[in-house]
C-alpha atoms as a PDB file:
ATOM      1  CA  MET A   1       0.000   0.000   0.000  1.00  0.00           C
ATOM      2  CA  LEU A   2       1.204   3.519  -0.804  1.00  0.00           C
ATOM      3  CA  ILE A   3       0.158   6.713   0.999  1.00  0.00           C
ATOM      4  CA  ILE A   4       0.835  10.089  -0.635  1.00  0.00           C
ATOM      5  CA  ASP A   5       0.146  12.955   1.752  1.00  0.00           C
ATOM      6  CA  SER A   6       1.958  16.226   2.424  1.00  0.00           C
ATOM      7  CA  SER A   7       0.567  16.323   5.978  1.00  0.00           C
ATOM      8  CA  ARG A   8       2.724  14.254   8.296  1.00  0.00           C
ATOM      9  CA  ASN A   9       0.001  13.946  10.944  1.00  0.00           C
ATOM     10  CA  SER A  10      -2.659  12.913   8.439  1.00  0.00           C
ATOM     11  CA  ALA A  11      -0.323  10.374   6.848  1.00  0.00           C
ATOM     12  CA  LYS A  12       0.582   8.940  10.248  1.00  0.00           C
ATOM     13  CA  MET A  13      -3.094   8.556  11.187  1.00  0.00           C
ATOM     14  CA  LEU A  14      -3.884   6.776   7.928  1.00  0.00           C
ATOM     15  CA  ALA A  15      -0.829   4.535   8.315  1.00  0.00           C
ATOM     16  CA  GLU A  16      -2.029   3.454  11.766  1.00  0.00           C
ATOM     17  CA  ILE A  17      -5.487   2.674  10.393  1.00  0.00           C
ATOM     18  CA  VAL A  18      -4.272   0.579   7.452  1.00  0.00           C
ATOM     19  CA  ARG A  19      -1.930  -1.263   9.812  1.00  0.00           C
ATOM     20  CA  SER A  20      -4.889  -2.084  12.050  1.00  0.00           C
ATOM     21  CA  LEU A  21      -6.725  -3.380   8.977  1.00  0.00           C
ATOM     22  CA  GLY A  22      -3.945  -5.851   8.304  1.00  0.00           C
ATOM     23  CA  ALA A  23      -1.632  -4.071   5.874  1.00  0.00           C
ATOM     24  CA  SER A  24       1.816  -5.569   6.410  1.00  0.00           C
ATOM     25  CA  GLU A  25       3.759  -3.493   3.892  1.00  0.00           C
ATOM     26  CA  PHE A  26       3.124   0.159   3.102  1.00  0.00           C
ATOM     27  CA  TYR A  27       5.073   3.309   2.405  1.00  0.00           C
ATOM     28  CA  VAL A  28       4.360   6.996   3.019  1.00  0.00           C
ATOM     29  CA  GLU A  29       5.563   9.685   0.608  1.00  0.00           C
ATOM     30  CA  PRO A  30       5.018  13.477   0.826  1.00  0.00           C
ATOM     31  CA  ASP A  31       4.377  14.145  -2.887  1.00  0.00           C
ATOM     32  CA  GLY A  32       3.897  12.628  -6.306  1.00  0.00           C
ATOM     33  CA  GLU A  33       7.534  12.785  -7.345  1.00  0.00           C
ATOM     34  CA  ALA A  34       8.694  10.809  -4.321  1.00  0.00           C
ATOM     35  CA  ALA A  35       5.798   8.401  -4.831  1.00  0.00           C
ATOM     36  CA  TRP A  36       6.796   7.891  -8.462  1.00  0.00           C
ATOM     37  CA  ASP A  37      10.314   6.973  -7.426  1.00  0.00           C
ATOM     38  CA  ARG A  38       8.860   4.564  -4.877  1.00  0.00           C
ATOM     39  CA  LEU A  39       6.804   2.800  -7.572  1.00  0.00           C
ATOM     40  CA  SER A  40       9.999   1.780  -9.338  1.00  0.00           C
ATOM     41  CA  LEU A  41      10.868  -0.302  -6.271  1.00  0.00           C
ATOM     42  CA  PHE A  42       7.480  -1.282  -4.896  1.00  0.00           C
ATOM     43  CA  ASP A  43       4.242  -2.546  -6.434  1.00  0.00           C
ATOM     44  CA  PRO A  44       1.325  -1.529  -4.137  1.00  0.00           C
ATOM     45  CA  ASN A  45      -2.153  -3.041  -4.259  1.00  0.00           C
ATOM     46  CA  LEU A  46      -3.779   0.263  -3.217  1.00  0.00           C
ATOM     47  CA  ILE A  47      -2.833   3.946  -3.280  1.00  0.00           C
ATOM     48  CA  PHE A  48      -4.214   6.686  -1.028  1.00  0.00           C
ATOM     49  CA  CYS A  49      -3.407  10.037  -2.639  1.00  0.00           C
ATOM     50  CA  GLU A  50      -3.930  13.550  -1.297  1.00  0.00           C
ATOM     51  CA  TYR A  51      -5.944  15.725  -3.685  1.00  0.00           C
ATOM     52  CA  SER A  52      -3.958  18.411  -5.449  1.00  0.00           C
ATOM     53  CA  GLU A  53      -4.167  20.100  -8.841  1.00  0.00           C
ATOM     54  CA  SER A  54      -0.390  19.992  -9.169  1.00  0.00           C
ATOM     55  CA  LYS A  55       1.104  18.496 -12.330  1.00  0.00           C
ATOM     56  CA  THR A  56       3.208  16.117 -10.258  1.00  0.00           C
ATOM     57  CA  SER A  57       0.984  15.381  -7.250  1.00  0.00           C
ATOM     58  CA  GLY A  58      -2.686  14.618  -6.706  1.00  0.00           C
ATOM     59  CA  THR A  59      -4.614  14.528  -9.976  1.00  0.00           C
ATOM     60  CA  GLY A  60      -1.391  15.065 -11.909  1.00  0.00           C
ATOM     61  CA  PHE A  61       0.134  11.967 -10.330  1.00  0.00           C
ATOM     62  CA  VAL A  62      -2.951   9.839 -11.071  1.00  0.00           C
ATOM     63  CA  ARG A  63      -3.106  11.046 -14.674  1.00  0.00           C
ATOM     64  CA  ARG A  64       0.571  10.250 -15.154  1.00  0.00           C
ATOM     65  CA  LEU A  65       0.159   6.834 -13.537  1.00  0.00           C
ATOM     66  CA  ARG A  66      -2.803   5.816 -15.703  1.00  0.00           C
ATOM     67  CA  ARG A  67      -1.052   6.835 -18.928  1.00  0.00           C
ATOM     68  CA  SER A  68       2.295   5.280 -18.034  1.00  0.00           C
ATOM     69  CA  ASN A  69       3.780   1.864 -18.707  1.00  0.00           C
ATOM     70  CA  SER A  70       4.217   1.255 -14.994  1.00  0.00           C
ATOM     71  CA  ARG A  71       3.182  -2.164 -13.709  1.00  0.00           C
ATOM     72  CA  SER A  72       1.107  -0.244 -11.146  1.00  0.00           C
ATOM     73  CA  ARG A  73      -0.906   1.785 -13.675  1.00  0.00           C
ATOM     74  CA  LYS A  74      -4.143  -0.078 -12.874  1.00  0.00           C
ATOM     75  CA  VAL A  75      -3.740  -0.033  -9.091  1.00  0.00           C
ATOM     76  CA  PRO A  76      -6.855   1.413  -7.353  1.00  0.00           C
ATOM     77  CA  VAL A  77      -6.485   5.022  -6.173  1.00  0.00           C
ATOM     78  CA  VAL A  78      -8.438   6.644  -3.331  1.00  0.00           C
ATOM     79  CA  MET A  79      -8.118  10.427  -3.372  1.00  0.00           C
ATOM     80  CA  MET A  80      -8.335  12.405  -0.106  1.00  0.00           C
ATOM     81  CA  ALA A  81      -9.044  16.018   0.841  1.00  0.00           C
ATOM     82  CA  THR A  82     -10.186  18.075   3.847  1.00  0.00           C
ATOM     83  CA  GLY A  83     -13.037  19.562   1.835  1.00  0.00           C
ATOM     84  CA  VAL A  84     -14.738  18.659  -1.411  1.00  0.00           C
ATOM     85  CA  THR A  85     -16.551  20.418  -4.250  1.00  0.00           C
ATOM     86  CA  LYS A  86     -18.205  19.040  -7.364  1.00  0.00           C
ATOM     87  CA  THR A  87     -15.257  20.314  -9.383  1.00  0.00           C
ATOM     88  CA  MET A  88     -12.846  18.342  -7.220  1.00  0.00           C
ATOM     89  CA  LEU A  89     -14.934  15.178  -7.531  1.00  0.00           C
ATOM     90  CA  ASP A  90     -15.167  15.563 -11.303  1.00  0.00           C
ATOM     91  CA  GLU A  91     -11.431  16.166 -11.585  1.00  0.00           C
ATOM     92  CA  ALA A  92     -10.579  13.140  -9.450  1.00  0.00           C
ATOM     93  CA  ARG A  93     -12.981  10.937 -11.404  1.00  0.00           C
ATOM     94  CA  ASP A  94     -11.804  12.126 -14.827  1.00  0.00           C
ATOM     95  CA  THR A  95      -8.128  11.556 -14.072  1.00  0.00           C
ATOM     96  CA  GLY A  96      -8.801   7.926 -13.150  1.00  0.00           C
ATOM     97  CA  ALA A  97      -9.243   7.829  -9.361  1.00  0.00           C
ATOM     98  CA  ASP A  98     -11.547   5.121  -7.966  1.00  0.00           C
ATOM     99  CA  GLU A  99     -12.882   6.776  -4.812  1.00  0.00           C
ATOM    100  CA  PHE A 100     -12.827  10.063  -2.901  1.00  0.00           C
ATOM    101  CA  MET A 101     -12.469  10.211   0.884  1.00  0.00           C
ATOM    102  CA  LEU A 102     -12.894  13.222   3.143  1.00  0.00           C
ATOM    103  CA  LYS A 103     -10.501  14.161   5.935  1.00  0.00           C
ATOM    104  CA  PRO A 104     -10.630  13.633   8.823  1.00  0.00           C
ATOM    105  CA  TYR A 105     -11.592  10.013   8.311  1.00  0.00           C
ATOM    106  CA  ALA A 106     -12.469   7.192  10.669  1.00  0.00           C
ATOM    107  CA  ARG A 107     -11.400   3.586  10.457  1.00  0.00           C
ATOM    108  CA  ARG A 108     -14.732   2.596   8.889  1.00  0.00           C
ATOM    109  CA  ASP A 109     -14.261   5.176   6.098  1.00  0.00           C
ATOM    110  CA  VAL A 110     -10.900   3.712   5.135  1.00  0.00           C
ATOM    111  CA  GLU A 111     -12.211   0.157   5.416  1.00  0.00           C
ATOM    112  CA  ARG A 112     -15.238   0.968   3.243  1.00  0.00           C
ATOM    113  CA  ARG A 113     -13.138   2.520   0.465  1.00  0.00           C
ATOM    114  CA  ALA A 114     -10.586  -0.269   0.523  1.00  0.00           C
ATOM    115  CA  ALA A 115     -13.340  -2.895   0.270  1.00  0.00           C
ATOM    116  CA  ALA A 116     -15.017  -1.022  -2.598  1.00  0.00           C
ATOM    117  CA  VAL A 117     -11.909  -0.896  -4.785  1.00  0.00           C
ATOM    118  CA  LEU A 118     -10.315  -4.222  -3.839  1.00  0.00           C
ATOM    119  CA  LEU A 119     -13.375  -6.470  -3.596  1.00  0.00           C
ATOM    120  CA  ASN A 120     -15.721  -4.779  -6.081  1.00  0.00           C
ATOM    121  CA  ALA A 121     -13.418  -3.372  -8.721  1.00  0.00           C
ATOM    122  CA  ARG A 122     -15.139  -1.638 -11.608  1.00  0.00           C
ATOM    123  CA  PRO A 123     -14.447  -2.542 -15.260  1.00  0.00           C
ATOM    124  CA  TRP A 124     -11.276  -0.976 -16.644  1.00  0.00           C
ATOM    125  CA  ILE A 125     -11.661   1.544 -19.485  1.00  0.00           C
ATOM    126  CA  GLU A 126      -8.707   1.890 -21.839  1.00  0.00           C
ATOM    127  CA  ALA A 127      -9.580   4.738 -24.195  1.00  0.00           C
ATOM    128  CA  VAL A 128      -7.629   7.784 -25.378  1.00  0.00           C
ATOM    129  CA  ASP A 129      -9.466  10.573 -23.576  1.00  0.00           C
ATOM    130  CA  TYR A 130      -9.948   8.499 -20.429  1.00  0.00           C
ATOM    131  CA  ILE A 131      -8.002   5.688 -18.741  1.00  0.00           C
ATOM    132  CA  GLY A 132      -9.178   4.174 -15.488  1.00  0.00           C
ATOM    133  CA  PRO A 133     -12.108   2.419 -13.795  1.00  0.00           C
ATOM    134  CA  ASP A 134     -15.581   2.870 -15.254  1.00  0.00           C
ATOM    135  CA  ARG A 135     -16.634   6.406 -14.283  1.00  0.00           C
ATOM    136  CA  ARG A 136     -20.345   5.572 -14.174  1.00  0.00           C
ATOM    137  CA  ARG A 137     -20.041   4.271 -10.620  1.00  0.00           C
ATOM    138  CA  PHE A 138     -17.401   6.625  -9.203  1.00  0.00           C
ATOM    139  CA  ASN A 139     -17.278   6.710  -5.397  1.00  0.00           C
ATOM    140  CA  SER A 140     -19.533   3.654  -5.297  1.00  0.00           C
ATOM    141  CA  SER A 141     -18.787   2.994  -1.606  1.00  0.00           C
ATOM    142  CA  GLU A 142     -21.012   5.984  -0.751  1.00  0.00           C
ATOM    143  CA  TYR A 143     -24.019   4.637  -2.666  1.00  0.00           C
ATOM    144  CA  LYS A 144     -26.495   2.467  -0.766  1.00  0.00           C
ATOM    145  CA  GLY A 145     -29.507   2.419  -3.110  1.00  0.00           C
ATOM    146  CA  ALA A 146     -30.641  -0.041  -5.742  1.00  0.00           C
ATOM    147  CA  ARG A 147     -28.395  -0.678  -8.734  1.00  0.00           C
ATOM    148  CA  ARG A 148     -30.527   0.324 -11.716  1.00  0.00           C
ATOM    149  CA  ARG A 149     -27.957   1.457 -14.255  1.00  0.00           C
ATOM    150  CA  LYS A 150     -27.188  -0.775 -17.212  1.00  0.00           C
ATOM    151  CA  ALA A 151     -23.510  -0.582 -16.276  1.00  0.00           C
ATOM    152  CA  ASP A 152     -24.266  -2.374 -13.002  1.00  0.00           C
ATOM    153  CA  ASN A 153     -25.522  -5.450 -14.887  1.00  0.00           C
ATOM    154  CA  LYS A 154     -23.430  -5.277 -17.997  1.00  0.00           C
ATOM    155  CA  THR A 155     -24.080  -8.103 -20.449  1.00  0.00           C
ATOM    156  CA  PRO A 156     -21.488  -9.539 -22.870  1.00  0.00           C
ATOM    157  CA  VAL A 157     -23.278  -7.724 -25.696  1.00  0.00           C
ATOM    158  CA  ALA A 158     -23.086  -4.384 -23.880  1.00  0.00           C
ATOM    159  CA  GLY A 159     -19.384  -4.931 -23.209  1.00  0.00           C
ATOM    160  CA  LEU A 160     -18.818  -5.739 -26.872  1.00  0.00           C
ATOM    161  CA  GLU A 161     -20.718  -2.659 -28.015  1.00  0.00           C
ATOM    162  CA  GLN A 162     -18.645  -0.469 -25.704  1.00  0.00           C
ATOM    163  CA  ALA A 163     -15.407  -1.995 -27.016  1.00  0.00           C
ATOM    164  CA  VAL A 164     -16.463  -1.254 -30.597  1.00  0.00           C
ATOM    165  CA  ARG A 165     -17.305   2.372 -29.740  1.00  0.00           C
ATOM    166  CA  ILE A 166     -13.949   2.907 -28.029  1.00  0.00           C
ATOM    167  CA  LEU A 167     -12.135   1.219 -30.925  1.00  0.00           C
ATOM    168  CA  VAL A 168     -13.724   3.544 -33.481  1.00  0.00           C
ATOM    169  CA  SER A 169     -12.939   6.584 -31.330  1.00  0.00           C
ATOM    170  CA  SER A 170      -9.325   5.472 -30.829  1.00  0.00           C
ATOM    171  CA  VAL A 171      -8.735   5.013 -34.541  1.00  0.00           C
ATOM    172  CA  GLY A 172      -9.807   8.613 -35.039  1.00  0.00           C
ATOM    173  CA  LYS A 173      -7.250   9.796 -32.470  1.00  0.00           C
ATOM    174  CA  LEU A 174      -4.154   8.068 -33.853  1.00  0.00           C
ATOM    175  CA  GLU A 175      -2.625  11.365 -34.919  1.00  0.00           C
ATOM    176  CA  GLU A 176      -3.516  13.065 -31.631  1.00  0.00           C
ATOM    177  CA  ASP A 177      -1.979  10.490 -29.260  1.00  0.00           C
ATOM    178  CA  ARG A 178      -0.589   7.590 -31.246  1.00  0.00           C
ATOM    179  CA  SER A 179       0.860   5.510 -28.408  1.00  0.00           C
ATOM    180  CA  GLN A 180      -2.277   5.596 -26.267  1.00  0.00           C
ATOM    181  CA  ALA A 181      -4.544   5.150 -29.284  1.00  0.00           C
ATOM    182  CA  LEU A 182      -2.662   1.997 -30.271  1.00  0.00           C
ATOM    183  CA  ARG A 183      -2.801   0.673 -26.710  1.00  0.00           C
ATOM    184  CA  SER A 184      -6.523   1.348 -26.621  1.00  0.00           C
ATOM    185  CA  ILE A 185      -7.082  -0.347 -30.001  1.00  0.00           C
ATOM    186  CA  LEU A 186      -5.215  -3.473 -28.905  1.00  0.00           C
ATOM    187  CA  THR A 187      -7.195  -3.576 -25.651  1.00  0.00           C
ATOM    188  CA  GLN A 188     -10.530  -3.397 -27.484  1.00  0.00           C
ATOM    189  CA  LEU A 189      -9.456  -6.093 -29.939  1.00  0.00           C
ATOM    190  CA  GLU A 190      -8.798  -8.380 -26.968  1.00  0.00           C
ATOM    191  CA  VAL A 191     -12.533  -8.092 -26.271  1.00  0.00           C
ATOM    192  CA  ILE A 192     -13.883  -8.041 -29.815  1.00  0.00           C
ATOM    193  CA  VAL A 193     -11.872 -10.850 -31.458  1.00  0.00           C
ATOM    194  CA  PRO A 194     -12.705 -13.612 -28.907  1.00  0.00           C
ATOM    195  CA  ALA A 195     -16.357 -12.543 -28.949  1.00  0.00           C
ATOM    196  CA  MET A 196     -16.532 -12.783 -32.741  1.00  0.00           C
ATOM    197  CA  ARG A 197     -14.767 -16.149 -32.733  1.00  0.00           C
ATOM    198  CA  ALA A 198     -17.204 -17.479 -30.156  1.00  0.00           C
ATOM    199  CA  LYS A 199     -20.107 -16.201 -32.251  1.00  0.00           C
ATOM    200  CA  ASP A 200     -18.762 -17.871 -35.401  1.00  0.00           C
ATOM    201  CA  GLN A 201     -18.180 -21.158 -33.586  1.00  0.00           C
ATOM    202  CA  GLY A 202     -21.672 -21.038 -32.116  1.00  0.00           C
ATOM    203  CA  SER A 203     -23.189 -20.430 -35.553  1.00  0.00           C
ATOM    204  CA  ALA A 204     -21.194 -23.283 -37.085  1.00  0.00           C
ATOM    205  CA  ILE A 205     -22.286 -25.727 -34.365  1.00  0.00           C
ATOM    206  CA  ASP A 206     -25.895 -24.612 -34.654  1.00  0.00           C
ATOM    207  CA  ASP A 207     -25.827 -25.021 -38.460  1.00  0.00           C
ATOM    208  CA  HIS A 208     -24.284 -28.508 -38.091  1.00  0.00           C
ATOM    209  CA  PHE A 209     -27.030 -29.772 -35.775  1.00  0.00           C
ATOM    210  CA  ARG A 210     -29.771 -28.235 -37.877  1.00  0.00           C
ATOM    211  CA  THR A 211     -28.397 -29.984 -40.974  1.00  0.00           C
ATOM    212  CA  GLU A 212     -28.176 -33.308 -39.126  1.00  0.00           C
ATOM    213  CA  ASN A 213     -31.753 -32.924 -37.883  1.00  0.00           C
ATOM    214  CA  ILE A 214     -33.123 -32.205 -41.327  1.00  0.00           C
ATOM    215  CA  SER A 215     -31.219 -34.993 -43.096  1.00  0.00           C
ATOM    216  CA  GLY A 216     -31.736 -37.601 -40.369  1.00  0.00           C
ATOM    217  CA  HIS A 217     -35.328 -36.726 -39.450  1.00  0.00           C
ATOM    218  CA  PRO A 218     -37.130 -35.344 -42.509  1.00  0.00           C
ATOM    219  CA  GLU A 219     -40.446 -35.685 -40.704  1.00  0.00           C
ATOM    220  CA  HIS A 220     -39.378 -32.796 -38.456  1.00  0.00           C
ATOM    221  CA  THR A 221     -38.304 -30.492 -41.278  1.00  0.00           C
ATOM    222  CA  GLY A 222     -41.535 -28.571 -41.281  1.00  0.00           C
ATOM    223  CA  ALA A 223     -41.558 -28.268 -37.511  1.00  0.00           C
ATOM    224  CA  LEU A 224     -38.093 -26.730 -37.288  1.00  0.00           C
ATOM    225  CA  ARG A 225     -39.552 -23.261 -37.476  1.00  0.00           C
ATOM    226  CA  GLY A 226     -42.458 -23.920 -35.138  1.00  0.00           C
ATOM    227  CA  ASN A 227     -42.755 -22.304 -31.725  1.00  0.00           C
ATOM    228  CA  SER A 228     -42.868 -25.743 -30.088  1.00  0.00           C
ATOM    229  CA  CYS A 229     -39.529 -26.746 -31.585  1.00  0.00           C
ATOM    230  CA  GLY A 230     -36.479 -27.411 -29.383  1.00  0.00           C
ATOM    231  CA  PRO A 231     -33.003 -26.020 -30.087  1.00  0.00           C
ATOM    232  CA  PHE A 232     -32.047 -28.928 -32.408  1.00  0.00           C
ATOM    233  CA  GLY A 233     -35.350 -29.295 -34.207  1.00  0.00           C
ATOM    234  CA  TYR A 234     -37.114 -31.642 -31.799  1.00  0.00           C
ATOM    235  CA  ARG A 235     -40.432 -30.781 -30.203  1.00  0.00           C
ATOM    236  CA  HIS A 236     -40.274 -29.576 -26.591  1.00  0.00           C
ATOM    237  CA  ILE A 237     -41.386 -32.231 -24.097  1.00  0.00           C
ATOM    238  CA  THR A 238     -43.702 -30.981 -21.367  1.00  0.00           C
ATOM    239  CA  PRO A 239     -43.241 -32.077 -17.724  1.00  0.00           C
ATOM    240  CA  GLY A 240     -46.483 -34.083 -17.989  1.00  0.00           C
ATOM    241  CA  GLU A 241     -45.281 -35.968 -21.038  1.00  0.00           C
ATOM    242  CA  ALA A 242     -41.941 -36.693 -19.403  1.00  0.00           C
ATOM    243  CA  LYS A 243     -43.675 -38.126 -16.319  1.00  0.00           C
ATOM    244  CA  SER A 244     -45.997 -40.201 -18.458  1.00  0.00           C
ATOM    245  CA  SER A 245     -43.115 -41.608 -20.484  1.00  0.00           C
ATOM    246  CA  SER A 246     -41.050 -42.502 -17.417  1.00  0.00           C
ATOM    247  CA  GLY A 247     -43.961 -44.519 -15.999  1.00  0.00           C
ATOM    248  CA  ARG A 248     -44.274 -46.808 -18.988  1.00  0.00           C
END
């Protein structure tokens, strides 16, 4: 675990809390530059970062981390501040932070944020304009209501559609940010290609069984398109029929 906080007292308090929660290895750094040097030697599973609009600390550090080639670029980040405004929340979210935590914090606040990002990680978005966890459920540890958004119950089709949208957008930004656009394109292809292969294999298997059904059971040919037809061309058997047959 890595703590980035310019306040020695605040950092000490947080260090004591994470130790009480079971963290066996963690480091405290006063700013983003020192934290960046630390990342070359240490791979944390969680980062607590003090909010700042500096280019090297706070949001600047998170933005740099997400766009880097560091092995820690996808590590969850909880941003902290003594006060919060909508602008601060938007900035933290748009740079790729996972959660926002107010100071002073209690043990339960730290525990809640850690559980949210480590046990219920959101889908990773690898685009050009944005890199980080899905922004549609930012600061999810604070939400206690029903999950009604489509993103909360994302289907394979929805994930595929999103990958295609990001792919198209990334292709259009090759001249703007070539390295990130290429990384984004490759990431989306890792979603799209297996999905298309699975679809093709499913279609081939389905066509094979349909052909076998028609050639081997011509009496069912006309029923293949009926509503009472099973997946391979056979009529659905009702529970009553199954019970009757088993008693013969």
